[in-house]
Amino acid sequence: MFSLSELQEQLGAFRAKLAEAMEHTNRAVELLDEARETIVSAFDQAKPWLPPELAAAHDRLRQDADRLAAVDRLMSAYQAQL
């Protein structure tokens, strides 16, 4: 069993990795947005073709980012209770 200080240290390490995962996920969303913009600007037509996977990937990454943010909020609340 962990002592309180060990538990807080472990939670701190977990939250650091969680923050890193959130940064990577948000960057992936930004890159997808840039890809979409590039595709749209490359076509000189009213309705450019976009791969359907682009929207699906964007939605999935947004869901992942929301879940990571929820985990971060839960960990903050838990850590505050310690």
N, C-alpha and C. Protein backbone atom coordinates (compact mmCIF):
# COMPACT_ATOMS: atom_id res chain seq x y z
N MET A 1 0.85 -1.17 0.00
CA MET A 1 0.00 0.00 0.00
C MET A 1 0.90 1.24 0.00
N PHE A 2 0.44 2.25 -0.70
CA PHE A 2 1.20 3.49 -0.82
C PHE A 2 0.95 4.40 0.38
N SER A 3 1.98 5.14 0.76
CA SER A 3 1.78 6.21 1.73
C SER A 3 1.14 7.37 0.98
N LEU A 4 0.65 8.35 1.70
CA LEU A 4 -0.01 9.49 1.07
C LEU A 4 0.95 10.22 0.13
N SER A 5 2.18 10.42 0.55
CA SER A 5 3.14 11.13 -0.31
C SER A 5 3.47 10.31 -1.56
N GLU A 6 3.57 8.98 -1.41
CA GLU A 6 3.81 8.13 -2.57
C GLU A 6 2.62 8.16 -3.54
N LEU A 7 1.43 8.14 -2.99
CA LEU A 7 0.23 8.18 -3.81
C LEU A 7 0.16 9.51 -4.57
N GLN A 8 0.45 10.60 -3.87
CA GLN A 8 0.45 11.90 -4.53
C GLN A 8 1.51 11.97 -5.63
N GLU A 9 2.66 11.36 -5.38
CA GLU A 9 3.72 11.33 -6.39
C GLU A 9 3.27 10.52 -7.61
N GLN A 10 2.64 9.39 -7.38
CA GLN A 10 2.14 8.56 -8.48
C GLN A 10 1.05 9.29 -9.26
N LEU A 11 0.17 9.98 -8.56
CA LEU A 11 -0.88 10.75 -9.23
C LEU A 11 -0.29 11.89 -10.04
N GLY A 12 0.73 12.51 -9.51
CA GLY A 12 1.40 13.58 -10.25
C GLY A 12 2.03 13.06 -11.54
N ALA A 13 2.66 11.89 -11.46
CA ALA A 13 3.26 11.29 -12.66
C ALA A 13 2.17 10.92 -13.67
N PHE A 14 1.06 10.38 -13.18
CA PHE A 14 -0.05 10.02 -14.06
C PHE A 14 -0.61 11.26 -14.74
N ARG A 15 -0.80 12.31 -13.97
CA ARG A 15 -1.36 13.54 -14.54
C ARG A 15 -0.41 14.17 -15.55
N ALA A 16 0.89 14.04 -15.34
CA ALA A 16 1.86 14.56 -16.31
C ALA A 16 1.73 13.80 -17.63
N LYS A 17 1.58 12.49 -17.56
CA LYS A 17 1.39 11.68 -18.78
C LYS A 17 0.04 11.99 -19.42
N LEU A 18 -0.96 12.23 -18.61
CA LEU A 18 -2.27 12.59 -19.12
C LEU A 18 -2.20 13.92 -19.87
N ALA A 19 -1.49 14.89 -19.31
CA ALA A 19 -1.32 16.19 -19.97
C ALA A 19 -0.59 16.02 -21.31
N GLU A 20 0.40 15.14 -21.32
CA GLU A 20 1.13 14.87 -22.56
C GLU A 20 0.20 14.25 -23.61
N ALA A 21 -0.63 13.32 -23.20
CA ALA A 21 -1.58 12.69 -24.12
C ALA A 21 -2.57 13.72 -24.65
N MET A 22 -3.00 14.62 -23.79
CA MET A 22 -3.93 15.66 -24.22
C MET A 22 -3.26 16.58 -25.25
N GLU A 23 -2.01 16.93 -25.02
CA GLU A 23 -1.28 17.78 -25.97
C GLU A 23 -1.17 17.10 -27.33
N HIS A 24 -0.83 15.81 -27.32
CA HIS A 24 -0.70 15.06 -28.57
C HIS A 24 -2.04 14.96 -29.30
N THR A 25 -3.10 14.72 -28.56
CA THR A 25 -4.42 14.62 -29.17
C THR A 25 -4.85 15.95 -29.76
N ASN A 26 -4.64 17.02 -29.03
CA ASN A 26 -5.00 18.35 -29.55
C ASN A 26 -4.16 18.71 -30.78
N ARG A 27 -2.90 18.32 -30.78
CA ARG A 27 -2.06 18.57 -31.96
C ARG A 27 -2.56 17.76 -33.16
N ALA A 28 -2.99 16.53 -32.92
CA ALA A 28 -3.52 15.72 -34.00
C ALA A 28 -4.77 16.36 -34.60
N VAL A 29 -5.62 16.93 -33.74
CA VAL A 29 -6.81 17.63 -34.23
C VAL A 29 -6.39 18.83 -35.08
N GLU A 30 -5.41 19.58 -34.62
CA GLU A 30 -4.91 20.73 -35.39
C GLU A 30 -4.37 20.29 -36.74
N LEU A 31 -3.63 19.19 -36.78
CA LEU A 31 -3.08 18.69 -38.04
C LEU A 31 -4.18 18.25 -39.00
N LEU A 32 -5.22 17.62 -38.45
CA LEU A 32 -6.35 17.25 -39.31
C LEU A 32 -7.05 18.48 -39.86
N ASP A 33 -7.19 19.50 -39.03
CA ASP A 33 -7.79 20.76 -39.51
C ASP A 33 -6.94 21.38 -40.62
N GLU A 34 -5.62 21.34 -40.44
CA GLU A 34 -4.73 21.86 -41.47
C GLU A 34 -4.83 21.05 -42.75
N ALA A 35 -4.94 19.73 -42.62
CA ALA A 35 -5.08 18.87 -43.80
C ALA A 35 -6.37 19.20 -44.54
N ARG A 36 -7.44 19.38 -43.80
CA ARG A 36 -8.71 19.73 -44.42
C ARG A 36 -8.60 21.05 -45.17
N GLU A 37 -8.00 22.03 -44.53
CA GLU A 37 -7.84 23.35 -45.15
C GLU A 37 -6.99 23.26 -46.42
N THR A 38 -5.96 22.45 -46.37
CA THR A 38 -5.10 22.27 -47.54
C THR A 38 -5.86 21.61 -48.68
N ILE A 39 -6.63 20.59 -48.37
CA ILE A 39 -7.42 19.91 -49.39
C ILE A 39 -8.43 20.86 -50.01
N VAL A 40 -9.12 21.60 -49.16
CA VAL A 40 -10.14 22.53 -49.66
C VAL A 40 -9.51 23.62 -50.52
N SER A 41 -8.40 24.18 -50.06
CA SER A 41 -7.78 25.27 -50.82
C SER A 41 -7.13 24.77 -52.11
N ALA A 42 -6.81 23.48 -52.17
CA ALA A 42 -6.20 22.93 -53.38
C ALA A 42 -7.20 22.80 -54.52
N PHE A 43 -8.45 22.73 -54.19
CA PHE A 43 -9.49 22.61 -55.21
C PHE A 43 -10.10 23.98 -55.45
N ASP A 44 -10.27 24.29 -56.71
CA ASP A 44 -10.89 25.57 -57.07
C ASP A 44 -12.32 25.32 -57.53
N GLN A 45 -13.10 24.74 -56.64
CA GLN A 45 -14.48 24.46 -56.98
C GLN A 45 -15.36 24.77 -55.78
N ALA A 46 -16.64 24.84 -56.02
CA ALA A 46 -17.58 25.22 -54.97
C ALA A 46 -17.64 24.18 -53.85
N LYS A 47 -17.55 22.90 -54.21
CA LYS A 47 -17.67 21.86 -53.20
C LYS A 47 -16.54 20.85 -53.38
N PRO A 48 -15.41 21.09 -52.73
CA PRO A 48 -14.28 20.18 -52.91
C PRO A 48 -14.55 18.81 -52.28
N TRP A 49 -13.91 17.81 -52.85
CA TRP A 49 -14.03 16.46 -52.30
C TRP A 49 -13.11 16.34 -51.09
N LEU A 50 -13.66 15.81 -50.03
CA LEU A 50 -12.87 15.52 -48.84
C LEU A 50 -13.03 14.04 -48.51
N PRO A 51 -11.95 13.39 -48.15
CA PRO A 51 -12.08 11.98 -47.78
C PRO A 51 -13.00 11.84 -46.56
N PRO A 52 -13.93 10.90 -46.60
CA PRO A 52 -14.85 10.74 -45.45
C PRO A 52 -14.10 10.37 -44.17
N GLU A 53 -12.95 9.75 -44.32
CA GLU A 53 -12.17 9.37 -43.14
C GLU A 53 -11.67 10.59 -42.37
N LEU A 54 -11.52 11.70 -43.06
CA LEU A 54 -11.04 12.93 -42.41
C LEU A 54 -12.02 13.39 -41.33
N ALA A 55 -13.29 13.44 -41.67
CA ALA A 55 -14.31 13.85 -40.69
C ALA A 55 -14.42 12.84 -39.56
N ALA A 56 -14.35 11.55 -39.91
CA ALA A 56 -14.44 10.51 -38.88
C ALA A 56 -13.26 10.59 -37.92
N ALA A 57 -12.07 10.81 -38.46
CA ALA A 57 -10.88 10.93 -37.60
C ALA A 57 -10.97 12.16 -36.71
N HIS A 58 -11.46 13.25 -37.27
CA HIS A 58 -11.61 14.49 -36.49
C HIS A 58 -12.60 14.28 -35.35
N ASP A 59 -13.74 13.66 -35.63
CA ASP A 59 -14.73 13.39 -34.59
C ASP A 59 -14.16 12.49 -33.50
N ARG A 60 -13.45 11.45 -33.91
CA ARG A 60 -12.89 10.51 -32.94
C ARG A 60 -11.85 11.20 -32.05
N LEU A 61 -11.00 12.02 -32.65
CA LEU A 61 -9.99 12.73 -31.86
C LEU A 61 -10.64 13.72 -30.90
N ARG A 62 -11.70 14.38 -31.33
CA ARG A 62 -12.42 15.29 -30.43
C ARG A 62 -13.01 14.52 -29.26
N GLN A 63 -13.57 13.33 -29.52
CA GLN A 63 -14.11 12.50 -28.44
C GLN A 63 -13.00 12.08 -27.48
N ASP A 64 -11.85 11.69 -28.05
CA ASP A 64 -10.72 11.30 -27.20
C ASP A 64 -10.25 12.48 -26.35
N ALA A 65 -10.18 13.67 -26.96
CA ALA A 65 -9.76 14.86 -26.21
C ALA A 65 -10.75 15.16 -25.09
N ASP A 66 -12.04 15.00 -25.35
CA ASP A 66 -13.04 15.22 -24.31
C ASP A 66 -12.89 14.21 -23.17
N ARG A 67 -12.64 12.96 -23.51
CA ARG A 67 -12.45 11.93 -22.48
C ARG A 67 -11.21 12.22 -21.64
N LEU A 68 -10.12 12.61 -22.30
CA LEU A 68 -8.90 12.93 -21.55
C LEU A 68 -9.11 14.11 -20.62
N ALA A 69 -9.85 15.10 -21.08
CA ALA A 69 -10.15 16.25 -20.23
C ALA A 69 -11.00 15.84 -19.03
N ALA A 70 -11.94 14.92 -19.26
CA ALA A 70 -12.79 14.43 -18.15
C ALA A 70 -11.94 13.67 -17.13
N VAL A 71 -11.01 12.86 -17.61
CA VAL A 71 -10.12 12.13 -16.70
C VAL A 71 -9.28 13.12 -15.89
N ASP A 72 -8.81 14.16 -16.55
CA ASP A 72 -8.00 15.16 -15.86
C ASP A 72 -8.83 15.84 -14.76
N ARG A 73 -10.07 16.17 -15.06
CA ARG A 73 -10.94 16.79 -14.03
C ARG A 73 -11.17 15.84 -12.87
N LEU A 74 -11.41 14.56 -13.16
CA LEU A 74 -11.62 13.58 -12.10
C LEU A 74 -10.37 13.42 -11.24
N MET A 75 -9.20 13.38 -11.90
CA MET A 75 -7.95 13.23 -11.14
C MET A 75 -7.68 14.47 -10.29
N SER A 76 -8.01 15.64 -10.79
CA SER A 76 -7.84 16.87 -10.01
C SER A 76 -8.72 16.83 -8.76
N ALA A 77 -9.95 16.40 -8.95
CA ALA A 77 -10.88 16.32 -7.81
C ALA A 77 -10.39 15.29 -6.79
N TYR A 78 -9.94 14.14 -7.28
CA TYR A 78 -9.45 13.10 -6.40
C TYR A 78 -8.21 13.57 -5.64
N GLN A 79 -7.30 14.19 -6.36
CA GLN A 79 -6.07 14.67 -5.73
C GLN A 79 -6.37 15.75 -4.69
N ALA A 80 -7.36 16.59 -4.97
CA ALA A 80 -7.73 17.63 -4.02
C ALA A 80 -8.30 17.04 -2.73
N GLN A 81 -8.94 15.89 -2.84
CA GLN A 81 -9.52 15.24 -1.67
C GLN A 81 -8.46 14.60 -0.78
N LEU A 82 -7.30 14.32 -1.38
CA LEU A 82 -6.22 13.74 -0.57
C LEU A 82 -5.66 14.79 0.33
